[in-house]
PDB file of N, CA and C in Angstrom:
ATOM      1  N   MET A   1       0.837  -1.171   0.000  1.00  0.00           N
ATOM      2  CA  MET A   1       0.000   0.000   0.000  1.00  0.00           C
ATOM      3  C   MET A   1       0.889   1.244   0.000  1.00  0.00           C
ATOM      4  N   LYS A   2       0.522   2.199  -0.847  1.00  0.00           N
ATOM      5  CA  LYS A   2       1.248   3.457  -0.911  1.00  0.00           C
ATOM      6  C   LYS A   2       0.728   4.404   0.161  1.00  0.00           C
ATOM      7  N   LYS A   3       1.631   5.170   0.744  1.00  0.00           N
ATOM      8  CA  LYS A   3       1.260   6.168   1.743  1.00  0.00           C
ATOM      9  C   LYS A   3       1.891   7.499   1.363  1.00  0.00           C
ATOM     10  N   ALA A   4       1.209   8.568   1.715  1.00  0.00           N
ATOM     11  CA  ALA A   4       1.743   9.915   1.536  1.00  0.00           C
ATOM     12  C   ALA A   4       1.439  10.703   2.803  1.00  0.00           C
ATOM     13  N   GLU A   5       2.312  11.621   3.113  1.00  0.00           N
ATOM     14  CA  GLU A   5       2.119  12.466   4.287  1.00  0.00           C
ATOM     15  C   GLU A   5       2.081  13.914   3.841  1.00  0.00           C
ATOM     16  N   ILE A   6       1.115  14.663   4.355  1.00  0.00           N
ATOM     17  CA  ILE A   6       1.013  16.088   4.110  1.00  0.00           C
ATOM     18  C   ILE A   6       1.312  16.796   5.425  1.00  0.00           C
ATOM     19  N   LYS A   7       2.226  17.734   5.358  1.00  0.00           N
ATOM     20  CA  LYS A   7       2.629  18.464   6.556  1.00  0.00           C
ATOM     21  C   LYS A   7       2.342  19.946   6.358  1.00  0.00           C
ATOM     22  N   VAL A   8       1.709  20.563   7.342  1.00  0.00           N
ATOM     23  CA  VAL A   8       1.429  21.991   7.330  1.00  0.00           C
ATOM     24  C   VAL A   8       2.138  22.610   8.530  1.00  0.00           C
ATOM     25  N   THR A   9       2.920  23.651   8.276  1.00  0.00           N
ATOM     26  CA  THR A   9       3.609  24.372   9.334  1.00  0.00           C
ATOM     27  C   THR A   9       3.074  25.800   9.349  1.00  0.00           C
ATOM     28  N   VAL A  10       2.657  26.245  10.531  1.00  0.00           N
ATOM     29  CA  VAL A  10       2.115  27.594  10.680  1.00  0.00           C
ATOM     30  C   VAL A  10       3.025  28.369  11.620  1.00  0.00           C
ATOM     31  N   GLU A  11       3.549  29.473  11.133  1.00  0.00           N
ATOM     32  CA  GLU A  11       4.369  30.357  11.953  1.00  0.00           C
ATOM     33  C   GLU A  11       3.463  31.456  12.496  1.00  0.00           C
ATOM     34  N   LEU A  12       3.438  31.610  13.825  1.00  0.00           N
ATOM     35  CA  LEU A  12       2.528  32.543  14.489  1.00  0.00           C
ATOM     36  C   LEU A  12       3.280  33.712  15.098  1.00  0.00           C
ATOM     37  N   ASP A  13       2.599  34.867  15.173  1.00  0.00           N
ATOM     38  CA  ASP A  13       3.181  35.993  15.878  1.00  0.00           C
ATOM     39  C   ASP A  13       2.869  35.860  17.370  1.00  0.00           C
ATOM     40  N   GLU A  14       3.197  36.879  18.137  1.00  0.00           N
ATOM     41  CA  GLU A  14       3.009  36.811  19.589  1.00  0.00           C
ATOM     42  C   GLU A  14       1.537  36.745  19.999  1.00  0.00           C
ATOM     43  N   LYS A  15       0.614  37.103  19.079  1.00  0.00           N
ATOM     44  CA  LYS A  15      -0.826  37.036  19.358  1.00  0.00           C
ATOM     45  C   LYS A  15      -1.469  35.803  18.716  1.00  0.00           C
ATOM     46  N   ASN A  16      -0.639  34.860  18.274  1.00  0.00           N
ATOM     47  CA  ASN A  16      -1.076  33.624  17.625  1.00  0.00           C
ATOM     48  C   ASN A  16      -1.787  33.853  16.290  1.00  0.00           C
ATOM     49  N   VAL A  17      -1.442  34.926  15.618  1.00  0.00           N
ATOM     50  CA  VAL A  17      -1.961  35.203  14.280  1.00  0.00           C
ATOM     51  C   VAL A  17      -0.954  34.660  13.267  1.00  0.00           C
ATOM     52  N   PRO A  18      -1.412  33.882  12.278  1.00  0.00           N
ATOM     53  CA  PRO A  18      -0.476  33.314  11.316  1.00  0.00           C
ATOM     54  C   PRO A  18       0.292  34.376  10.519  1.00  0.00           C
ATOM     55  N   GLU A  19       1.599  34.245  10.532  1.00  0.00           N
ATOM     56  CA  GLU A  19       2.462  35.094   9.719  1.00  0.00           C
ATOM     57  C   GLU A  19       2.890  34.366   8.457  1.00  0.00           C
ATOM     58  N   ALA A  20       3.005  33.052   8.545  1.00  0.00           N
ATOM     59  CA  ALA A  20       3.398  32.246   7.388  1.00  0.00           C
ATOM     60  C   ALA A  20       2.758  30.864   7.514  1.00  0.00           C
ATOM     61  N   ILE A  21       2.376  30.332   6.363  1.00  0.00           N
ATOM     62  CA  ILE A  21       1.846  28.966   6.284  1.00  0.00           C
ATOM     63  C   ILE A  21       2.668  28.257   5.214  1.00  0.00           C
ATOM     64  N   LEU A  22       3.233  27.123   5.575  1.00  0.00           N
ATOM     65  CA  LEU A  22       4.033  26.318   4.651  1.00  0.00           C
ATOM     66  C   LEU A  22       3.456  24.917   4.607  1.00  0.00           C
ATOM     67  N   TRP A  23       3.456  24.318   3.430  1.00  0.00           N
ATOM     68  CA  TRP A  23       2.989  22.938   3.349  1.00  0.00           C
ATOM     69  C   TRP A  23       3.925  22.142   2.458  1.00  0.00           C
ATOM     70  N   GLU A  24       3.943  20.865   2.706  1.00  0.00           N
ATOM     71  CA  GLU A  24       4.760  19.944   1.905  1.00  0.00           C
ATOM     72  C   GLU A  24       4.101  18.579   1.903  1.00  0.00           C
ATOM     73  N   SER A  25       4.432  17.802   0.897  1.00  0.00           N
ATOM     74  CA  SER A  25       3.878  16.459   0.765  1.00  0.00           C
ATOM     75  C   SER A  25       4.979  15.488   0.364  1.00  0.00           C
ATOM     76  N   THR A  26       4.952  14.323   0.944  1.00  0.00           N
ATOM     77  CA  THR A  26       5.938  13.304   0.584  1.00  0.00           C
ATOM     78  C   THR A  26       5.691  12.783  -0.828  1.00  0.00           C
ATOM     79  N   ASP A  27       4.506  13.044  -1.381  1.00  0.00           N
ATOM     80  CA  ASP A  27       4.139  12.562  -2.710  1.00  0.00           C
ATOM     81  C   ASP A  27       4.349  13.627  -3.789  1.00  0.00           C
ATOM     82  N   SER A  28       4.928  14.760  -3.425  1.00  0.00           N
ATOM     83  CA  SER A  28       5.112  15.867  -4.350  1.00  0.00           C
ATOM     84  C   SER A  28       6.446  15.760  -5.072  1.00  0.00           C
ATOM     85  N   GLU A  29       6.493  16.312  -6.274  1.00  0.00           N
ATOM     86  CA  GLU A  29       7.763  16.376  -7.000  1.00  0.00           C
ATOM     87  C   GLU A  29       8.710  17.352  -6.314  1.00  0.00           C
ATOM     88  N   THR A  30       8.129  18.395  -5.700  1.00  0.00           N
ATOM     89  CA  THR A  30       8.921  19.370  -4.958  1.00  0.00           C
ATOM     90  C   THR A  30       9.105  18.866  -3.537  1.00  0.00           C
ATOM     91  N   LYS A  31      10.312  18.763  -3.099  1.00  0.00           N
ATOM     92  CA  LYS A  31      10.588  18.228  -1.761  1.00  0.00           C
ATOM     93  C   LYS A  31      10.728  19.316  -0.706  1.00  0.00           C
ATOM     94  N   GLU A  32      10.590  20.578  -1.123  1.00  0.00           N
ATOM     95  CA  GLU A  32      10.708  21.660  -0.152  1.00  0.00           C
ATOM     96  C   GLU A  32       9.331  22.175   0.251  1.00  0.00           C
ATOM     97  N   SER A  33       9.289  22.900   1.351  1.00  0.00           N
ATOM     98  CA  SER A  33       8.047  23.499   1.818  1.00  0.00           C
ATOM     99  C   SER A  33       7.613  24.589   0.848  1.00  0.00           C
ATOM    100  N   VAL A  34       6.312  24.655   0.621  1.00  0.00           N
ATOM    101  CA  VAL A  34       5.745  25.639  -0.294  1.00  0.00           C
ATOM    102  C   VAL A  34       4.940  26.650   0.525  1.00  0.00           C
ATOM    103  N   PRO A  35       5.239  27.938   0.378  1.00  0.00           N
ATOM    104  CA  PRO A  35       4.483  28.934   1.131  1.00  0.00           C
ATOM    105  C   PRO A  35       3.097  29.148   0.533  1.00  0.00           C
ATOM    106  N   THR A  36       2.146  29.459   1.393  1.00  0.00           N
ATOM    107  CA  THR A  36       0.796  29.791   0.964  1.00  0.00           C
ATOM    108  C   THR A  36       0.256  30.870   1.890  1.00  0.00           C
ATOM    109  N   LYS A  37      -0.757  31.574   1.442  1.00  0.00           N
ATOM    110  CA  LYS A  37      -1.328  32.655   2.240  1.00  0.00           C
ATOM    111  C   LYS A  37      -2.597  32.241   2.976  1.00  0.00           C
ATOM    112  N   ALA A  38      -3.247  31.152   2.538  1.00  0.00           N
ATOM    113  CA  ALA A  38      -4.496  30.736   3.176  1.00  0.00           C
ATOM    114  C   ALA A  38      -4.715  29.248   2.954  1.00  0.00           C
ATOM    115  N   MET A  39      -5.496  28.656   3.856  1.00  0.00           N
ATOM    116  CA  MET A  39      -5.840  27.242   3.720  1.00  0.00           C
ATOM    117  C   MET A  39      -7.193  26.973   4.364  1.00  0.00           C
ATOM    118  N   ILE A  40      -7.884  25.991   3.820  1.00  0.00           N
ATOM    119  CA  ILE A  40      -9.114  25.474   4.404  1.00  0.00           C
ATOM    120  C   ILE A  40      -8.956  23.960   4.418  1.00  0.00           C
ATOM    121  N   LEU A  41      -9.021  23.378   5.593  1.00  0.00           N
ATOM    122  CA  LEU A  41      -8.931  21.932   5.739  1.00  0.00           C
ATOM    123  C   LEU A  41     -10.227  21.449   6.367  1.00  0.00           C
ATOM    124  N   ALA A  42     -10.905  20.539   5.704  1.00  0.00           N
ATOM    125  CA  ALA A  42     -12.150  19.985   6.236  1.00  0.00           C
ATOM    126  C   ALA A  42     -11.998  18.472   6.325  1.00  0.00           C
ATOM    127  N   LEU A  43     -12.336  17.930   7.481  1.00  0.00           N
ATOM    128  CA  LEU A  43     -12.269  16.494   7.730  1.00  0.00           C
ATOM    129  C   LEU A  43     -13.632  16.022   8.218  1.00  0.00           C
ATOM    130  N   TRP A  44     -14.030  14.819   7.821  1.00  0.00           N
ATOM    131  CA  TRP A  44     -15.317  14.263   8.239  1.00  0.00           C
ATOM    132  C   TRP A  44     -15.102  13.330   9.420  1.00  0.00           C
ATOM    133  N   ASP A  45     -15.750  13.632  10.526  1.00  0.00           N
ATOM    134  CA  ASP A  45     -15.714  12.774  11.708  1.00  0.00           C
ATOM    135  C   ASP A  45     -16.902  11.818  11.610  1.00  0.00           C
ATOM    136  N   HIS A  46     -16.637  10.588  11.192  1.00  0.00           N
ATOM    137  CA  HIS A  46     -17.727   9.627  10.973  1.00  0.00           C
ATOM    138  C   HIS A  46     -18.365   9.160  12.279  1.00  0.00           C
ATOM    139  N   ASN A  47     -17.667   9.286  13.388  1.00  0.00           N
ATOM    140  CA  ASN A  47     -18.254   8.895  14.674  1.00  0.00           C
ATOM    141  C   ASN A  47     -19.320   9.893  15.136  1.00  0.00           C
ATOM    142  N   TYR A  48     -19.017  11.177  15.007  1.00  0.00           N
ATOM    143  CA  TYR A  48     -19.948  12.217  15.453  1.00  0.00           C
ATOM    144  C   TYR A  48     -20.793  12.785  14.316  1.00  0.00           C
ATOM    145  N   LYS A  49     -20.505  12.342  13.074  1.00  0.00           N
ATOM    146  CA  LYS A  49     -21.255  12.786  11.890  1.00  0.00           C
ATOM    147  C   LYS A  49     -21.222  14.308  11.745  1.00  0.00           C
ATOM    148  N   ASN A  50     -20.019  14.870  11.826  1.00  0.00           N
ATOM    149  CA  ASN A  50     -19.882  16.297  11.597  1.00  0.00           C
ATOM    150  C   ASN A  50     -18.517  16.611  10.986  1.00  0.00           C
ATOM    151  N   ALA A  51     -18.430  17.810  10.458  1.00  0.00           N
ATOM    152  CA  ALA A  51     -17.188  18.256   9.840  1.00  0.00           C
ATOM    153  C   ALA A  51     -16.307  18.951  10.867  1.00  0.00           C
ATOM    154  N   MET A  52     -15.028  18.677  10.769  1.00  0.00           N
ATOM    155  CA  MET A  52     -14.024  19.382  11.559  1.00  0.00           C
ATOM    156  C   MET A  52     -13.235  20.236  10.567  1.00  0.00           C
ATOM    157  N   ARG A  53     -13.027  21.495  10.913  1.00  0.00           N
ATOM    158  CA  ARG A  53     -12.411  22.403   9.956  1.00  0.00           C
ATOM    159  C   ARG A  53     -11.291  23.214  10.601  1.00  0.00           C
ATOM    160  N   ILE A  54     -10.326  23.530   9.774  1.00  0.00           N
ATOM    161  CA  ILE A  54      -9.290  24.487  10.132  1.00  0.00           C
ATOM    162  C   ILE A  54      -9.225  25.485   8.985  1.00  0.00           C
ATOM    163  N   ASP A  55      -9.525  26.741   9.275  1.00  0.00           N
ATOM    164  CA  ASP A  55      -9.438  27.821   8.298  1.00  0.00           C
ATOM    165  C   ASP A  55      -8.367  28.785   8.797  1.00  0.00           C
ATOM    166  N   LEU A  56      -7.329  28.960   8.021  1.00  0.00           N
ATOM    167  CA  LEU A  56      -6.248  29.863   8.413  1.00  0.00           C
ATOM    168  C   LEU A  56      -5.839  30.729   7.236  1.00  0.00           C
ATOM    169  N   TRP A  57      -5.461  31.959   7.531  1.00  0.00           N
ATOM    170  CA  TRP A  57      -4.877  32.825   6.530  1.00  0.00           C
ATOM    171  C   TRP A  57      -3.877  33.740   7.219  1.00  0.00           C
ATOM    172  N   THR A  58      -2.869  34.123   6.469  1.00  0.00           N
ATOM    173  CA  THR A  58      -1.849  34.993   7.033  1.00  0.00           C
ATOM    174  C   THR A  58      -2.369  36.421   7.097  1.00  0.00           C
ATOM    175  N   LYS A  59      -1.765  37.190   7.994  1.00  0.00           N
ATOM    176  CA  LYS A  59      -2.245  38.561   8.171  1.00  0.00           C
ATOM    177  C   LYS A  59      -1.975  39.438   6.958  1.00  0.00           C
ATOM    178  N   ASP A  60      -1.109  38.990   6.057  1.00  0.00           N
ATOM    179  CA  ASP A  60      -0.863  39.771   4.844  1.00  0.00           C
ATOM    180  C   ASP A  60      -1.595  39.214   3.613  1.00  0.00           C
ATOM    181  N   MET A  61      -2.598  38.354   3.841  1.00  0.00           N
ATOM    182  CA  MET A  61      -3.419  37.847   2.738  1.00  0.00           C
ATOM    183  C   MET A  61      -4.296  38.994   2.232  1.00  0.00           C
ATOM    184  N   PRO A  62      -4.136  39.400   0.970  1.00  0.00           N
ATOM    185  CA  PRO A  62      -4.953  40.500   0.442  1.00  0.00           C
ATOM    186  C   PRO A  62      -6.429  40.106   0.346  1.00  0.00           C
ATOM    187  N   VAL A  63      -7.303  41.059   0.617  1.00  0.00           N
ATOM    188  CA  VAL A  63      -8.746  40.788   0.597  1.00  0.00           C
ATOM    189  C   VAL A  63      -9.196  40.328  -0.791  1.00  0.00           C
ATOM    190  N   ASP A  64      -8.680  40.932  -1.863  1.00  0.00           N
ATOM    191  CA  ASP A  64      -9.098  40.513  -3.199  1.00  0.00           C
ATOM    192  C   ASP A  64      -8.690  39.059  -3.477  1.00  0.00           C
ATOM    193  N   GLU A  65      -7.544  38.643  -2.957  1.00  0.00           N
ATOM    194  CA  GLU A  65      -7.133  37.245  -3.122  1.00  0.00           C
ATOM    195  C   GLU A  65      -7.975  36.318  -2.253  1.00  0.00           C
ATOM    196  N   MET A  66      -8.404  36.782  -1.074  1.00  0.00           N
ATOM    197  CA  MET A  66      -9.281  35.975  -0.221  1.00  0.00           C
ATOM    198  C   MET A  66     -10.618  35.742  -0.918  1.00  0.00           C
ATOM    199  N   LYS A  67     -11.153  36.778  -1.545  1.00  0.00           N
ATOM    200  CA  LYS A  67     -12.402  36.627  -2.293  1.00  0.00           C
ATOM    201  C   LYS A  67     -12.234  35.594  -3.402  1.00  0.00           C
ATOM    202  N   ARG A  68     -11.135  35.674  -4.143  1.00  0.00           N
ATOM    203  CA  ARG A  68     -10.862  34.723  -5.224  1.00  0.00           C
ATOM    204  C   ARG A  68     -10.672  33.310  -4.661  1.00  0.00           C
ATOM    205  N   PHE A  69      -9.982  33.207  -3.523  1.00  0.00           N
ATOM    206  CA  PHE A  69      -9.762  31.914  -2.872  1.00  0.00           C
ATOM    207  C   PHE A  69     -11.096  31.247  -2.527  1.00  0.00           C
ATOM    208  N   PHE A  70     -12.030  32.007  -1.962  1.00  0.00           N
ATOM    209  CA  PHE A  70     -13.333  31.437  -1.633  1.00  0.00           C
ATOM    210  C   PHE A  70     -14.097  31.052  -2.885  1.00  0.00           C
ATOM    211  N   TYR A  71     -14.041  31.871  -3.915  1.00  0.00           N
ATOM    212  CA  TYR A  71     -14.695  31.538  -5.181  1.00  0.00           C
ATOM    213  C   TYR A  71     -14.146  30.225  -5.738  1.00  0.00           C
ATOM    214  N   GLU A  72     -12.829  30.128  -5.807  1.00  0.00           N
ATOM    215  CA  GLU A  72     -12.188  28.908  -6.327  1.00  0.00           C
ATOM    216  C   GLU A  72     -12.543  27.690  -5.471  1.00  0.00           C
ATOM    217  N   THR A  73     -12.571  27.879  -4.155  1.00  0.00           N
ATOM    218  CA  THR A  73     -12.895  26.772  -3.249  1.00  0.00           C
ATOM    219  C   THR A  73     -14.324  26.292  -3.457  1.00  0.00           C
ATOM    220  N   LEU A  74     -15.260  27.230  -3.582  1.00  0.00           N
ATOM    221  CA  LEU A  74     -16.652  26.840  -3.834  1.00  0.00           C
ATOM    222  C   LEU A  74     -16.773  26.088  -5.161  1.00  0.00           C
ATOM    223  N   GLN A  75     -16.083  26.563  -6.182  1.00  0.00           N
ATOM    224  CA  GLN A  75     -16.125  25.890  -7.488  1.00  0.00           C
ATOM    225  C   GLN A  75     -15.593  24.460  -7.390  1.00  0.00           C
ATOM    226  N   THR A  76     -14.449  24.291  -6.738  1.00  0.00           N
ATOM    227  CA  THR A  76     -13.861  22.950  -6.662  1.00  0.00           C
ATOM    228  C   THR A  76     -14.652  22.037  -5.730  1.00  0.00           C
ATOM    229  N   MET A  77     -15.344  22.616  -4.739  1.00  0.00           N
ATOM    230  CA  MET A  77     -16.229  21.796  -3.900  1.00  0.00           C
ATOM    231  C   MET A  77     -17.364  21.222  -4.760  1.00  0.00           C
ATOM    232  N   GLY A  78     -17.840  22.017  -5.705  1.00  0.00           N
ATOM    233  CA  GLY A  78     -18.854  21.520  -6.636  1.00  0.00           C
ATOM    234  C   GLY A  78     -18.326  20.356  -7.462  1.00  0.00           C
ATOM    235  N   ASP A  79     -17.102  20.479  -7.961  1.00  0.00           N
ATOM    236  CA  ASP A  79     -16.485  19.393  -8.724  1.00  0.00           C
ATOM    237  C   ASP A  79     -16.394  18.122  -7.881  1.00  0.00           C
ATOM    238  N   SER A  80     -15.935  18.282  -6.647  1.00  0.00           N
ATOM    239  CA  SER A  80     -15.780  17.127  -5.750  1.00  0.00           C
ATOM    240  C   SER A  80     -17.130  16.498  -5.432  1.00  0.00           C
ATOM    241  N   PHE A  81     -18.123  17.346  -5.154  1.00  0.00           N
ATOM    242  CA  PHE A  81     -19.454  16.843  -4.823  1.00  0.00           C
ATOM    243  C   PHE A  81     -20.053  16.071  -5.994  1.00  0.00           C
ATOM    244  N   LEU A  82     -19.844  16.567  -7.207  1.00  0.00           N
ATOM    245  CA  LEU A  82     -20.349  15.868  -8.392  1.00  0.00           C
ATOM    246  C   LEU A  82     -19.679  14.506  -8.540  1.00  0.00           C
ATOM    247  N   ARG A  83     -18.359  14.453  -8.381  1.00  0.00           N
ATOM    248  CA  ARG A  83     -17.646  13.168  -8.481  1.00  0.00           C
ATOM    249  C   ARG A  83     -18.091  12.195  -7.389  1.00  0.00           C
ATOM    250  N   ALA A  84     -18.351  12.717  -6.187  1.00  0.00           N
ATOM    251  CA  ALA A  84     -18.697  11.854  -5.050  1.00  0.00           C
ATOM    252  C   ALA A  84     -20.144  11.366  -5.096  1.00  0.00           C
ATOM    253  N   THR A  85     -21.061  12.192  -5.631  1.00  0.00           N
ATOM    254  CA  THR A  85     -22.484  11.862  -5.533  1.00  0.00           C
ATOM    255  C   THR A  85     -23.198  11.721  -6.865  1.00  0.00           C
ATOM    256  N   GLY A  86     -22.658  12.324  -7.916  1.00  0.00           N
ATOM    257  CA  GLY A  86     -23.336  12.320  -9.208  1.00  0.00           C
ATOM    258  C   GLY A  86     -24.532  13.271  -9.264  1.00  0.00           C
ATOM    259  N   GLU A  87     -24.690  14.132  -8.271  1.00  0.00           N
ATOM    260  CA  GLU A  87     -25.838  15.047  -8.177  1.00  0.00           C
ATOM    261  C   GLU A  87     -25.637  16.269  -9.075  1.00  0.00           C
ATOM    262  N   GLN A  88     -25.862  16.092 -10.367  1.00  0.00           N
ATOM    263  CA  GLN A  88     -25.631  17.144 -11.360  1.00  0.00           C
ATOM    264  C   GLN A  88     -26.497  18.377 -11.121  1.00  0.00           C
ATOM    265  N   ASN A  89     -27.781  18.188 -10.807  1.00  0.00           N
ATOM    266  CA  ASN A  89     -28.689  19.333 -10.672  1.00  0.00           C
ATOM    267  C   ASN A  89     -28.264  20.294  -9.575  1.00  0.00           C
ATOM    268  N   ILE A  90     -27.920  19.774  -8.414  1.00  0.00           N
ATOM    269  CA  ILE A  90     -27.538  20.660  -7.313  1.00  0.00           C
ATOM    270  C   ILE A  90     -26.182  21.309  -7.586  1.00  0.00           C
ATOM    271  N   VAL A  91     -25.308  20.615  -8.301  1.00  0.00           N
ATOM    272  CA  VAL A  91     -24.012  21.195  -8.651  1.00  0.00           C
ATOM    273  C   VAL A  91     -24.214  22.349  -9.638  1.00  0.00           C
ATOM    274  N   GLU A  92     -25.168  22.218 -10.531  1.00  0.00           N
ATOM    275  CA  GLU A  92     -25.481  23.341 -11.426  1.00  0.00           C
ATOM    276  C   GLU A  92     -25.977  24.538 -10.617  1.00  0.00           C
ATOM    277  N   ASP A  93     -26.786  24.280  -9.587  1.00  0.00           N
ATOM    278  CA  ASP A  93     -27.230  25.359  -8.706  1.00  0.00           C
ATOM    279  C   ASP A  93     -26.044  26.004  -7.991  1.00  0.00           C
ATOM    280  N   LEU A  94     -25.105  25.189  -7.539  1.00  0.00           N
ATOM    281  CA  LEU A  94     -23.922  25.723  -6.864  1.00  0.00           C
ATOM    282  C   LEU A  94     -23.102  26.568  -7.833  1.00  0.00           C
ATOM    283  N   ARG A  95     -22.971  26.129  -9.061  1.00  0.00           N
ATOM    284  CA  ARG A  95     -22.237  26.899 -10.067  1.00  0.00           C
ATOM    285  C   ARG A  95     -22.934  28.246 -10.335  1.00  0.00           C
ATOM    286  N   ASP A  96     -24.270  28.221 -10.353  1.00  0.00           N
ATOM    287  CA  ASP A  96     -25.014  29.479 -10.499  1.00  0.00           C
ATOM    288  C   ASP A  96     -24.698  30.406  -9.332  1.00  0.00           C
ATOM    289  N   TYR A  97     -24.678  29.843  -8.124  1.00  0.00           N
ATOM    290  CA  TYR A  97     -24.346  30.661  -6.955  1.00  0.00           C
ATOM    291  C   TYR A  97     -22.915  31.191  -7.073  1.00  0.00           C
ATOM    292  N   CYS A  98     -21.991  30.371  -7.531  1.00  0.00           N
ATOM    293  CA  CYS A  98     -20.601  30.813  -7.683  1.00  0.00           C
ATOM    294  C   CYS A  98     -20.516  31.996  -8.648  1.00  0.00           C
ATOM    295  N   ALA A  99     -21.290  31.956  -9.727  1.00  0.00           N
ATOM    296  CA  ALA A  99     -21.313  33.078 -10.671  1.00  0.00           C
ATOM    297  C   ALA A  99     -21.857  34.324  -9.974  1.00  0.00           C
ATOM    298  N   HIS A 100     -22.901  34.162  -9.183  1.00  0.00           N
ATOM    299  CA  HIS A 100     -23.477  35.277  -8.415  1.00  0.00           C
ATOM    300  C   HIS A 100     -22.449  35.812  -7.413  1.00  0.00           C
ATOM    301  N   PHE A 101     -21.776  34.927  -6.705  1.00  0.00           N
ATOM    302  CA  PHE A 101     -20.739  35.303  -5.739  1.00  0.00           C
ATOM    303  C   PHE A 101     -19.653  36.122  -6.436  1.00  0.00           C
ATOM    304  N   ALA A 102     -19.163  35.621  -7.589  1.00  0.00           N
ATOM    305  CA  ALA A 102     -18.114  36.313  -8.328  1.00  0.00           C
ATOM    306  C   ALA A 102     -18.579  37.695  -8.753  1.00  0.00           C
ATOM    307  N   ASP A 103     -19.821  37.786  -9.219  1.00  0.00           N
ATOM    308  CA  ASP A 103     -20.365  39.070  -9.634  1.00  0.00           C
ATOM    309  C   ASP A 103     -20.424  40.053  -8.458  1.00  0.00           C
ATOM    310  N   LYS A 104     -20.961  39.597  -7.333  1.00  0.00           N
ATOM    311  CA  LYS A 104     -21.094  40.454  -6.143  1.00  0.00           C
ATOM    312  C   LYS A 104     -19.741  40.875  -5.579  1.00  0.00           C
ATOM    313  N   MET A 105     -18.742  40.019  -5.684  1.00  0.00           N
ATOM    314  CA  MET A 105     -17.419  40.311  -5.130  1.00  0.00           C
ATOM    315  C   MET A 105     -16.505  40.992  -6.143  1.00  0.00           C
ATOM    316  N   GLY A 106     -16.975  41.172  -7.384  1.00  0.00           N
ATOM    317  CA  GLY A 106     -16.161  41.810  -8.398  1.00  0.00           C
ATOM    318  C   GLY A 106     -14.982  40.964  -8.851  1.00  0.00           C
ATOM    319  N   ILE A 107     -15.179  39.656  -8.872  1.00  0.00           N
ATOM    320  CA  ILE A 107     -14.108  38.728  -9.248  1.00  0.00           C
ATOM    321  C   ILE A 107     -14.185  38.490 -10.745  1.00  0.00           C
ATOM    322  N   ASP A 108     -13.064  38.714 -11.438  1.00  0.00           N
ATOM    323  CA  ASP A 108     -12.991  38.450 -12.871  1.00  0.00           C
ATOM    324  C   ASP A 108     -12.718  36.974 -13.075  1.00  0.00           C
ATOM    325  N   THR A 109     -13.711  36.253 -13.578  1.00  0.00           N
ATOM    326  CA  THR A 109     -13.568  34.805 -13.800  1.00  0.00           C
ATOM    327  C   THR A 109     -13.105  34.482 -15.220  1.00  0.00           C
ATOM    328  N   GLY A 110     -12.898  35.514 -16.036  1.00  0.00           N
ATOM    329  CA  GLY A 110     -12.434  35.280 -17.388  1.00  0.00           C
ATOM    330  C   GLY A 110     -13.499  34.798 -18.342  1.00  0.00           C
ATOM    331  N   LYS A 111     -14.766  34.898 -17.927  1.00  0.00           N
ATOM    332  CA  LYS A 111     -15.859  34.427 -18.795  1.00  0.00           C
ATOM    333  C   LYS A 111     -16.629  35.580 -19.345  1.00  0.00           C
TER     334      LYS A 111
END
């Protein structure tokens, strides 16, 4: 069986606010830590039937990039949900919402 490990390192200031977020994977072609400005990690707790989440962003994450990050995350959640469930109709509704979100936030989606 193949295994991979994902490691996230968060550097905090004196008030525990993230200054830097680095991640690396044993399955990546790049063997060094990669910096990022924000992350959303969601895990399913099958015992309690609820989601556990970690949402972090660095204090220098620009607001316009945060808006784009949420837009991209919502879009890819739709892709994942479609692959996992085959629920095309609700994914189309989510895509409609994503277009509305992008419009309201002034995000250029290139369309």
